[in-house]
Structures are given as structure tokens and as C-alpha cells.
Amino acid sequence: MAIANAQLTTTQNNILVVPAGKSYAITTIIVCNTNLSATTPSTFDLHLVKSGQAVAVDTTIVKGLELPAGETFTFDSERIVLEEGDFVAVEADPDIGSGLTDLAATVSYLEV
């Protein structure tokens, strides 16, 4: 099993891109709000995008999910297989400076 980690940004962040000749089974996606004192929640959008396509309405699997301070969201009820060039993309708000947010994401995957 392998993982990819990223601090989420206010612009598209491709957390995991499947390299040439590979297929990955996504086992879990975790998003954590690392700010313990925020009074307003952070939000994020999660996309699974097929090779050659762009992030769009039809690639959205989570839209505007609010994550209060110190909370964690786990997406682990389905297994998703990504092929060469497919990717997991996330955008989040609010900006805490330099386009960064308080959200951190981890994608756990297996090569298949």
C-alpha cells in the first residue's frame, strides 16, 4: 500500500496522478482540517478525473463539503480503480495565505 499527502490549496491540486503503464486502486481518501480554533469551517471539492479530461462538474464526487475545525472526513466505502493518466484533484477554501488552506489530504492506494 502507498500514500500521497498534500496540503490543500485554493486552486486545483492533483494529489495523485497515475503514471504511465500503471493502475491504482484507491482504498481511502482522508481530508483533515488542521486548524483547531477556526470559528468557520473550511470547505473542499473532490474530483476523480479520467485521463485527457479536465476538472469539471461531471468529475465531481464531493462538492463544497464543510469541515469544521479539527474534524476529519473519510471516503472509504467504495474502491475506485484509476488507470494511466487518471487523477485525484482537490480544491479548498478559505485561503490562509499564499493560496494554502488549513486542510490536509491523504490518498491511500494499491497498484493493481
Protein backbone atom coordinates (compact mmCIF):
# COMPACT_ATOMS: atom_id res chain seq x y z
CA MET A 1 0.00 0.00 0.00
CA ALA A 2 1.16 3.54 -0.74
CA ILE A 3 0.03 7.03 0.22
CA ALA A 4 0.10 10.51 -1.27
CA ASN A 5 -0.20 13.58 1.02
CA ALA A 6 -0.84 17.24 0.28
CA GLN A 7 -1.78 20.48 1.97
CA LEU A 8 -4.81 21.63 0.01
CA THR A 9 -4.81 24.86 -1.95
CA THR A 10 -7.47 27.22 -3.26
CA THR A 11 -6.64 26.12 -6.79
CA GLN A 12 -6.70 22.67 -8.35
CA ASN A 13 -4.27 20.36 -6.56
CA ASN A 14 -3.71 17.00 -8.27
CA ILE A 15 -2.88 14.90 -5.23
CA LEU A 16 -2.39 11.67 -7.14
CA VAL A 17 -1.78 11.14 -10.87
CA VAL A 18 -1.47 7.57 -12.14
CA PRO A 19 1.82 7.17 -14.07
CA ALA A 20 2.22 5.52 -17.47
CA GLY A 21 1.65 1.77 -17.51
CA LYS A 22 0.07 1.68 -14.03
CA SER A 23 -3.37 1.19 -12.49
CA TYR A 24 -4.14 2.18 -8.91
CA ALA A 25 -6.98 1.11 -6.63
CA ILE A 26 -7.87 3.94 -4.26
CA THR A 27 -8.62 2.46 -0.85
CA THR A 28 -9.17 5.60 1.24
CA ILE A 29 -9.21 9.38 0.88
CA ILE A 30 -8.88 11.36 4.12
CA VAL A 31 -9.21 15.13 4.49
CA CYS A 32 -8.37 16.76 7.83
CA ASN A 33 -8.96 20.34 8.99
CA THR A 34 -5.72 21.00 10.88
CA ASN A 35 -6.94 24.29 12.38
CA LEU A 36 -8.20 23.62 15.90
CA SER A 37 -9.53 27.11 16.60
CA ALA A 38 -11.28 28.28 13.40
CA THR A 39 -14.80 29.57 14.00
CA THR A 40 -15.92 28.92 10.43
CA PRO A 41 -15.48 25.60 8.62
CA SER A 42 -13.21 25.05 5.66
CA THR A 43 -14.73 23.58 2.50
CA PHE A 44 -13.44 21.38 -0.28
CA ASP A 45 -14.34 19.84 -3.63
CA LEU A 46 -13.05 16.40 -4.62
CA HIS A 47 -12.78 15.19 -8.23
CA LEU A 48 -11.87 11.90 -9.90
CA VAL A 49 -10.76 12.74 -13.42
CA LYS A 50 -10.23 10.44 -16.38
CA SER A 51 -7.05 10.80 -18.43
CA GLY A 52 -7.40 13.52 -21.06
CA GLN A 53 -10.26 15.24 -19.27
CA ALA A 54 -10.27 18.35 -17.09
CA VAL A 55 -11.82 19.02 -13.69
CA ALA A 56 -15.47 19.82 -14.37
CA VAL A 57 -18.97 19.33 -12.99
CA ASP A 58 -19.06 15.74 -14.25
CA THR A 59 -15.85 14.77 -12.40
CA THR A 60 -17.14 15.96 -9.00
CA ILE A 61 -17.66 13.39 -6.26
CA VAL A 62 -17.72 15.82 -3.30
CA LYS A 63 -18.83 19.47 -3.67
CA GLY A 64 -18.47 22.20 -1.05
CA LEU A 65 -18.19 19.82 1.90
CA GLU A 66 -17.81 21.82 5.12
CA LEU A 67 -15.19 20.54 7.52
CA PRO A 68 -15.22 22.22 10.97
CA ALA A 69 -12.01 22.93 12.89
CA GLY A 70 -10.24 19.74 13.97
CA GLU A 71 -12.60 17.43 12.04
CA THR A 72 -11.70 14.70 9.54
CA PHE A 73 -13.63 13.39 6.52
CA THR A 74 -13.01 9.81 5.35
CA PHE A 75 -14.06 8.43 1.96
CA ASP A 76 -13.57 4.68 2.24
CA SER A 77 -16.84 2.97 1.42
CA GLU A 78 -16.07 2.41 -2.28
CA ARG A 79 -12.97 1.16 -4.08
CA ILE A 80 -12.05 3.18 -7.13
CA VAL A 81 -9.69 1.99 -9.85
CA LEU A 82 -7.77 4.66 -11.73
CA GLU A 83 -5.94 3.95 -14.98
CA GLU A 84 -2.87 5.58 -16.55
CA GLY A 85 -3.26 9.38 -16.58
CA ASP A 86 -6.34 9.45 -14.32
CA PHE A 87 -6.04 11.68 -11.26
CA VAL A 88 -7.49 12.78 -7.93
CA ALA A 89 -7.91 16.57 -7.71
CA VAL A 90 -8.99 18.76 -4.79
CA GLU A 91 -9.70 22.46 -4.30
CA ALA A 92 -10.39 24.05 -0.90
CA ASP A 93 -11.24 27.31 0.90
CA PRO A 94 -10.56 29.63 2.67
CA ASP A 95 -7.14 30.95 1.77
CA ILE A 96 -4.88 31.24 4.86
CA GLY A 97 -2.13 32.89 2.81
CA SER A 98 -0.23 32.15 -0.39
CA GLY A 99 -3.16 30.08 -1.71
CA LEU A 100 -2.87 27.49 1.08
CA THR A 101 -5.70 26.24 3.29
CA ASP A 102 -5.95 24.52 6.68
CA LEU A 103 -6.92 21.25 5.01
CA ALA A 104 -4.57 18.31 4.50
CA ALA A 105 -5.41 15.27 2.39
CA THR A 106 -4.10 11.72 2.21
CA VAL A 107 -4.89 9.25 -0.55
CA SER A 108 -4.16 5.59 0.16
CA TYR A 109 -3.82 3.33 -2.89
CA LEU A 110 -2.61 -0.03 -4.18
CA GLU A 111 -1.08 -0.78 -7.55
CA VAL A 112 -3.27 -3.30 -9.39
